[in-house]
């Protein structure tokens, strides 16, 4: 999937009955899961956008992952299988941006609200989207995943994230939201590549 524009992302969100936040400096945050459900690469897209007080748009669309790496698909941390954040859902108020203590003591978007998941219990390389559904807090945080960006591997057991440079851009968006008095809570819109081809 080629990098989508923020306008294309907003269109898909609105057609999927998700909210694009239009208050100035209120961030719309999310990810796009691509069709390749066997890759161990950073082959998804992460995005953040905000409107300015004059109606302009500031946005980031960068490479990342929305899935567990191959290591944790084969060896899930939970007896019931790997946690997969459900796409087609805007997980409202699910994250809190933390400069410290967000993930392993570091800067991150920390999950502080319940999210919807599938459980993939067959312990193979393929992500399955038809497993048992759950709604819980599993600490599937948004965090940086090193500097190289070749393979996800054990950087993620179900979290979303990207290499440091890309995550810094998303953290900066969160900091701007905070600086304008809009708080440090964020919803997370999880989209799928299929939605872009269907619209």
C-alpha atoms as a PDB file:
ATOM      1  CA  UNK A   1       0.000   0.000   0.000  1.00  0.00           C
ATOM      2  CA  UNK A   2       1.390   3.367  -1.004  1.00  0.00           C
ATOM      3  CA  UNK A   3       1.542   6.117   1.580  1.00  0.00           C
ATOM      4  CA  UNK A   4      -1.968   7.639   1.805  1.00  0.00           C
ATOM      5  CA  UNK A   5      -2.530  11.357   2.099  1.00  0.00           C
ATOM      6  CA  UNK A   6      -4.067  12.715   5.265  1.00  0.00           C
ATOM      7  CA  UNK A   7      -7.078  13.778   3.182  1.00  0.00           C
ATOM      8  CA  UNK A   8      -7.592  10.165   2.084  1.00  0.00           C
ATOM      9  CA  UNK A   9      -7.263   9.014   5.691  1.00  0.00           C
ATOM     10  CA  UNK A  10      -9.802  11.554   6.921  1.00  0.00           C
ATOM     11  CA  UNK A  11     -12.219  10.536   4.151  1.00  0.00           C
ATOM     12  CA  UNK A  12     -12.031   6.856   5.115  1.00  0.00           C
ATOM     13  CA  UNK A  13     -12.465   7.699   8.778  1.00  0.00           C
ATOM     14  CA  UNK A  14     -15.564   9.795   8.160  1.00  0.00           C
ATOM     15  CA  UNK A  15     -17.073   7.176   5.858  1.00  0.00           C
ATOM     16  CA  UNK A  16     -16.428   4.633   8.617  1.00  0.00           C
ATOM     17  CA  UNK A  17     -18.308   6.793  11.160  1.00  0.00           C
ATOM     18  CA  UNK A  18     -15.117   7.719  12.987  1.00  0.00           C
ATOM     19  CA  UNK A  19     -14.409  11.173  14.355  1.00  0.00           C
ATOM     20  CA  UNK A  20     -11.798  13.447  12.794  1.00  0.00           C
ATOM     21  CA  UNK A  21     -11.140  15.956  15.545  1.00  0.00           C
ATOM     22  CA  UNK A  22     -11.508  19.485  14.202  1.00  0.00           C
ATOM     23  CA  UNK A  23     -10.926  21.597  17.309  1.00  0.00           C
ATOM     24  CA  UNK A  24      -7.645  23.461  16.738  1.00  0.00           C
ATOM     25  CA  UNK A  25      -4.620  21.489  17.934  1.00  0.00           C
ATOM     26  CA  UNK A  26      -6.685  18.423  18.898  1.00  0.00           C
ATOM     27  CA  UNK A  27      -4.869  15.405  17.441  1.00  0.00           C
ATOM     28  CA  UNK A  28      -6.470  12.651  15.375  1.00  0.00           C
ATOM     29  CA  UNK A  29      -4.238   9.606  15.897  1.00  0.00           C
ATOM     30  CA  UNK A  30      -4.266   6.165  14.305  1.00  0.00           C
ATOM     31  CA  UNK A  31      -2.779   3.396  12.230  1.00  0.00           C
ATOM     32  CA  UNK A  32      -3.459   1.589   8.966  1.00  0.00           C
ATOM     33  CA  UNK A  33      -2.935  -2.179   8.835  1.00  0.00           C
ATOM     34  CA  UNK A  34      -1.888  -3.360   5.374  1.00  0.00           C
ATOM     35  CA  UNK A  35      -3.042  -6.559   3.696  1.00  0.00           C
ATOM     36  CA  UNK A  36       0.229  -8.406   4.315  1.00  0.00           C
ATOM     37  CA  UNK A  37      -0.682 -10.350   7.437  1.00  0.00           C
ATOM     38  CA  UNK A  38       2.485 -12.457   7.528  1.00  0.00           C
ATOM     39  CA  UNK A  39       5.196  -9.821   7.365  1.00  0.00           C
ATOM     40  CA  UNK A  40       7.678  -9.176  10.145  1.00  0.00           C
ATOM     41  CA  UNK A  41       8.402  -5.734   8.690  1.00  0.00           C
ATOM     42  CA  UNK A  42       7.374  -2.181   9.506  1.00  0.00           C
ATOM     43  CA  UNK A  43       4.909  -2.320   6.609  1.00  0.00           C
ATOM     44  CA  UNK A  44       1.935  -0.467   8.088  1.00  0.00           C
ATOM     45  CA  UNK A  45       1.210   3.265   8.358  1.00  0.00           C
ATOM     46  CA  UNK A  46       0.872   5.431  11.460  1.00  0.00           C
ATOM     47  CA  UNK A  47      -0.677   8.884  11.312  1.00  0.00           C
ATOM     48  CA  UNK A  48      -1.457  11.968  13.351  1.00  0.00           C
ATOM     49  CA  UNK A  49      -3.114  15.187  12.269  1.00  0.00           C
ATOM     50  CA  UNK A  50      -4.415  18.416  13.736  1.00  0.00           C
ATOM     51  CA  UNK A  51      -6.131  21.509  12.456  1.00  0.00           C
ATOM     52  CA  UNK A  52      -4.634  24.900  13.189  1.00  0.00           C
ATOM     53  CA  UNK A  53      -6.578  27.888  14.492  1.00  0.00           C
ATOM     54  CA  UNK A  54      -6.751  29.195  10.910  1.00  0.00           C
ATOM     55  CA  UNK A  55      -8.021  25.945   9.395  1.00  0.00           C
ATOM     56  CA  UNK A  56      -4.755  24.537   8.086  1.00  0.00           C
ATOM     57  CA  UNK A  57      -3.749  20.929   8.650  1.00  0.00           C
ATOM     58  CA  UNK A  58      -0.529  19.695  10.251  1.00  0.00           C
ATOM     59  CA  UNK A  59      -0.021  15.982   9.675  1.00  0.00           C
ATOM     60  CA  UNK A  60       2.375  13.064   9.884  1.00  0.00           C
ATOM     61  CA  UNK A  61       1.989   9.796   7.947  1.00  0.00           C
ATOM     62  CA  UNK A  62       4.923   7.464   8.568  1.00  0.00           C
ATOM     63  CA  UNK A  63       5.917   3.831   8.278  1.00  0.00           C
ATOM     64  CA  UNK A  64       5.433   1.661  11.334  1.00  0.00           C
ATOM     65  CA  UNK A  65       3.727  -1.467  12.599  1.00  0.00           C
ATOM     66  CA  UNK A  66       0.308  -2.085  14.102  1.00  0.00           C
ATOM     67  CA  UNK A  67       0.987  -5.753  14.873  1.00  0.00           C
ATOM     68  CA  UNK A  68       2.984  -8.119  17.015  1.00  0.00           C
ATOM     69  CA  UNK A  69       6.320  -9.148  15.544  1.00  0.00           C
ATOM     70  CA  UNK A  70       6.924 -12.696  14.355  1.00  0.00           C
ATOM     71  CA  UNK A  71       8.672 -13.597  17.610  1.00  0.00           C
ATOM     72  CA  UNK A  72       5.504 -13.030  19.662  1.00  0.00           C
ATOM     73  CA  UNK A  73       3.187 -14.547  17.073  1.00  0.00           C
ATOM     74  CA  UNK A  74       5.076 -17.814  17.436  1.00  0.00           C
ATOM     75  CA  UNK A  75       5.557 -17.403  21.202  1.00  0.00           C
ATOM     76  CA  UNK A  76       2.684 -15.243  22.504  1.00  0.00           C
ATOM     77  CA  UNK A  77       2.989 -13.763  25.972  1.00  0.00           C
ATOM     78  CA  UNK A  78      -0.593 -14.795  26.839  1.00  0.00           C
ATOM     79  CA  UNK A  79      -1.796 -18.385  27.048  1.00  0.00           C
ATOM     80  CA  UNK A  80      -4.816 -17.515  24.869  1.00  0.00           C
ATOM     81  CA  UNK A  81      -2.656 -16.203  22.033  1.00  0.00           C
ATOM     82  CA  UNK A  82      -1.422 -12.971  20.511  1.00  0.00           C
ATOM     83  CA  UNK A  83      -3.473  -9.813  21.053  1.00  0.00           C
ATOM     84  CA  UNK A  84      -4.429  -8.049  17.811  1.00  0.00           C
ATOM     85  CA  UNK A  85      -5.933  -4.561  18.017  1.00  0.00           C
ATOM     86  CA  UNK A  86      -9.181  -4.643  16.051  1.00  0.00           C
ATOM     87  CA  UNK A  87      -9.258  -2.588  12.871  1.00  0.00           C
ATOM     88  CA  UNK A  88     -12.404  -0.838  11.716  1.00  0.00           C
ATOM     89  CA  UNK A  89     -12.668   0.637  15.209  1.00  0.00           C
ATOM     90  CA  UNK A  90     -11.832   4.030  16.669  1.00  0.00           C
ATOM     91  CA  UNK A  91     -10.720   3.197  20.185  1.00  0.00           C
ATOM     92  CA  UNK A  92     -11.938   6.304  21.976  1.00  0.00           C
ATOM     93  CA  UNK A  93      -9.802   7.750  24.778  1.00  0.00           C
ATOM     94  CA  UNK A  94      -7.564   4.687  24.762  1.00  0.00           C
ATOM     95  CA  UNK A  95      -4.162   6.369  25.167  1.00  0.00           C
ATOM     96  CA  UNK A  96      -2.362   8.809  27.401  1.00  0.00           C
ATOM     97  CA  UNK A  97       0.812  10.447  26.144  1.00  0.00           C
ATOM     98  CA  UNK A  98       3.583  10.210  28.732  1.00  0.00           C
ATOM     99  CA  UNK A  99       7.004  11.810  28.474  1.00  0.00           C
ATOM    100  CA  UNK A 100       8.251   9.306  31.051  1.00  0.00           C
ATOM    101  CA  UNK A 101       6.807   6.023  32.214  1.00  0.00           C
ATOM    102  CA  UNK A 102       4.781   5.311  29.109  1.00  0.00           C
ATOM    103  CA  UNK A 103       6.450   2.047  28.086  1.00  0.00           C
ATOM    104  CA  UNK A 104       9.244   0.422  30.043  1.00  0.00           C
ATOM    105  CA  UNK A 105       9.798   3.779  31.734  1.00  0.00           C
ATOM    106  CA  UNK A 106      10.206   5.614  28.441  1.00  0.00           C
ATOM    107  CA  UNK A 107       8.218   8.136  26.408  1.00  0.00           C
ATOM    108  CA  UNK A 108       5.165   6.552  24.798  1.00  0.00           C
ATOM    109  CA  UNK A 109       1.445   6.582  24.158  1.00  0.00           C
ATOM    110  CA  UNK A 110       0.371   4.359  27.059  1.00  0.00           C
ATOM    111  CA  UNK A 111      -2.862   2.430  26.869  1.00  0.00           C
ATOM    112  CA  UNK A 112      -5.050   3.641  29.727  1.00  0.00           C
ATOM    113  CA  UNK A 113      -8.489   2.845  28.309  1.00  0.00           C
ATOM    114  CA  UNK A 114     -10.076  -0.375  27.114  1.00  0.00           C
ATOM    115  CA  UNK A 115      -9.645  -1.445  23.495  1.00  0.00           C
ATOM    116  CA  UNK A 116     -11.154  -4.185  21.353  1.00  0.00           C
ATOM    117  CA  UNK A 117      -8.967  -7.136  20.342  1.00  0.00           C
ATOM    118  CA  UNK A 118      -8.919 -10.428  18.537  1.00  0.00           C
ATOM    119  CA  UNK A 119      -6.933 -13.321  20.009  1.00  0.00           C
ATOM    120  CA  UNK A 120      -4.766 -15.286  17.581  1.00  0.00           C
ATOM    121  CA  UNK A 121      -4.011 -18.609  19.255  1.00  0.00           C
ATOM    122  CA  UNK A 122      -2.620 -20.801  16.474  1.00  0.00           C
ATOM    123  CA  UNK A 123       1.011 -19.699  16.948  1.00  0.00           C
ATOM    124  CA  UNK A 124       1.953 -19.352  13.294  1.00  0.00           C
ATOM    125  CA  UNK A 125       3.246 -16.372  11.336  1.00  0.00           C
ATOM    126  CA  UNK A 126      -0.169 -15.295  10.041  1.00  0.00           C
ATOM    127  CA  UNK A 127      -2.328 -12.722  11.816  1.00  0.00           C
ATOM    128  CA  UNK A 128      -5.862 -14.088  12.212  1.00  0.00           C
ATOM    129  CA  UNK A 129      -8.788 -11.671  12.453  1.00  0.00           C
ATOM    130  CA  UNK A 130     -11.529 -14.174  13.315  1.00  0.00           C
ATOM    131  CA  UNK A 131     -10.439 -15.278  16.773  1.00  0.00           C
ATOM    132  CA  UNK A 132     -12.190 -14.636  20.089  1.00  0.00           C
ATOM    133  CA  UNK A 133     -13.029 -10.984  20.702  1.00  0.00           C
ATOM    134  CA  UNK A 134     -12.080  -9.208  23.922  1.00  0.00           C
ATOM    135  CA  UNK A 135     -12.245  -5.700  25.324  1.00  0.00           C
ATOM    136  CA  UNK A 136      -9.572  -4.907  27.874  1.00  0.00           C
ATOM    137  CA  UNK A 137      -6.399  -3.043  28.749  1.00  0.00           C
ATOM    138  CA  UNK A 138      -3.450  -5.145  27.569  1.00  0.00           C
ATOM    139  CA  UNK A 139      -0.808  -2.408  27.500  1.00  0.00           C
ATOM    140  CA  UNK A 140      -0.601  -2.397  23.709  1.00  0.00           C
ATOM    141  CA  UNK A 141       1.269   0.882  23.842  1.00  0.00           C
ATOM    142  CA  UNK A 142       2.531   3.122  21.045  1.00  0.00           C
ATOM    143  CA  UNK A 143       6.293   3.370  21.408  1.00  0.00           C
ATOM    144  CA  UNK A 144       9.578   3.655  19.579  1.00  0.00           C
ATOM    145  CA  UNK A 145      11.120   0.443  18.280  1.00  0.00           C
ATOM    146  CA  UNK A 146      14.803   1.110  17.813  1.00  0.00           C
ATOM    147  CA  UNK A 147      16.756   2.920  15.141  1.00  0.00           C
ATOM    148  CA  UNK A 148      17.147   0.373  12.326  1.00  0.00           C
ATOM    149  CA  UNK A 149      13.606  -0.580  11.309  1.00  0.00           C
ATOM    150  CA  UNK A 150      14.339  -3.819   9.459  1.00  0.00           C
ATOM    151  CA  UNK A 151      12.262  -6.371  11.369  1.00  0.00           C
ATOM    152  CA  UNK A 152       9.690  -5.990  14.134  1.00  0.00           C
ATOM    153  CA  UNK A 153      10.643  -9.269  15.872  1.00  0.00           C
ATOM    154  CA  UNK A 154      10.356  -8.856  19.650  1.00  0.00           C
ATOM    155  CA  UNK A 155       9.886  -5.082  19.573  1.00  0.00           C
ATOM    156  CA  UNK A 156       6.137  -5.735  19.711  1.00  0.00           C
ATOM    157  CA  UNK A 157       3.960  -8.330  21.424  1.00  0.00           C
ATOM    158  CA  UNK A 158       0.871  -6.454  20.211  1.00  0.00           C
ATOM    159  CA  UNK A 159       1.937  -2.808  20.460  1.00  0.00           C
ATOM    160  CA  UNK A 160       2.047  -0.323  17.617  1.00  0.00           C
ATOM    161  CA  UNK A 161       5.075   1.804  16.882  1.00  0.00           C
ATOM    162  CA  UNK A 162       7.935   2.752  14.610  1.00  0.00           C
ATOM    163  CA  UNK A 163      11.606   3.589  14.561  1.00  0.00           C
ATOM    164  CA  UNK A 164      12.692   6.383  16.878  1.00  0.00           C
ATOM    165  CA  UNK A 165      12.702   9.164  14.263  1.00  0.00           C
ATOM    166  CA  UNK A 166       9.120   8.437  13.200  1.00  0.00           C
ATOM    167  CA  UNK A 167       7.829   8.135  16.751  1.00  0.00           C
ATOM    168  CA  UNK A 168       9.454  11.450  17.628  1.00  0.00           C
ATOM    169  CA  UNK A 169       7.178  13.106  15.071  1.00  0.00           C
ATOM    170  CA  UNK A 170       4.101  11.551  16.673  1.00  0.00           C
ATOM    171  CA  UNK A 171       5.303  12.514  20.144  1.00  0.00           C
ATOM    172  CA  UNK A 172       5.791  16.076  18.929  1.00  0.00           C
ATOM    173  CA  UNK A 173       2.173  16.203  17.784  1.00  0.00           C
ATOM    174  CA  UNK A 174       1.096  15.059  21.241  1.00  0.00           C
ATOM    175  CA  UNK A 175       3.240  17.742  22.845  1.00  0.00           C
ATOM    176  CA  UNK A 176       1.662  20.431  20.672  1.00  0.00           C
ATOM    177  CA  UNK A 177      -1.810  19.258  21.712  1.00  0.00           C
ATOM    178  CA  UNK A 178      -0.791  19.482  25.382  1.00  0.00           C
ATOM    179  CA  UNK A 179       0.814  22.895  24.913  1.00  0.00           C
ATOM    180  CA  UNK A 180      -2.481  24.248  23.563  1.00  0.00           C
ATOM    181  CA  UNK A 181      -4.418  23.068  26.589  1.00  0.00           C
ATOM    182  CA  UNK A 182      -6.113  20.070  24.988  1.00  0.00           C
ATOM    183  CA  UNK A 183      -4.741  17.490  27.397  1.00  0.00           C
ATOM    184  CA  UNK A 184      -2.743  14.295  26.937  1.00  0.00           C
ATOM    185  CA  UNK A 185      -5.532  11.802  26.107  1.00  0.00           C
ATOM    186  CA  UNK A 186      -5.875  10.334  22.619  1.00  0.00           C
ATOM    187  CA  UNK A 187      -8.274   8.148  20.704  1.00  0.00           C
ATOM    188  CA  UNK A 188      -6.761   5.666  18.251  1.00  0.00           C
ATOM    189  CA  UNK A 189      -8.366   4.963  14.870  1.00  0.00           C
ATOM    190  CA  UNK A 190      -7.303   1.552  13.575  1.00  0.00           C
ATOM    191  CA  UNK A 191      -7.982   1.310   9.838  1.00  0.00           C
ATOM    192  CA  UNK A 192      -7.306  -1.399   7.267  1.00  0.00           C
ATOM    193  CA  UNK A 193      -5.974  -1.124   3.734  1.00  0.00           C
ATOM    194  CA  UNK A 194      -9.195  -2.688   2.397  1.00  0.00           C
ATOM    195  CA  UNK A 195     -11.176   0.375   3.505  1.00  0.00           C
ATOM    196  CA  UNK A 196      -9.131   2.569   1.166  1.00  0.00           C
ATOM    197  CA  UNK A 197      -9.806   0.367  -1.817  1.00  0.00           C
ATOM    198  CA  UNK A 198     -13.516   0.115  -1.032  1.00  0.00           C
ATOM    199  CA  UNK A 199     -14.148   3.860  -0.743  1.00  0.00           C
END
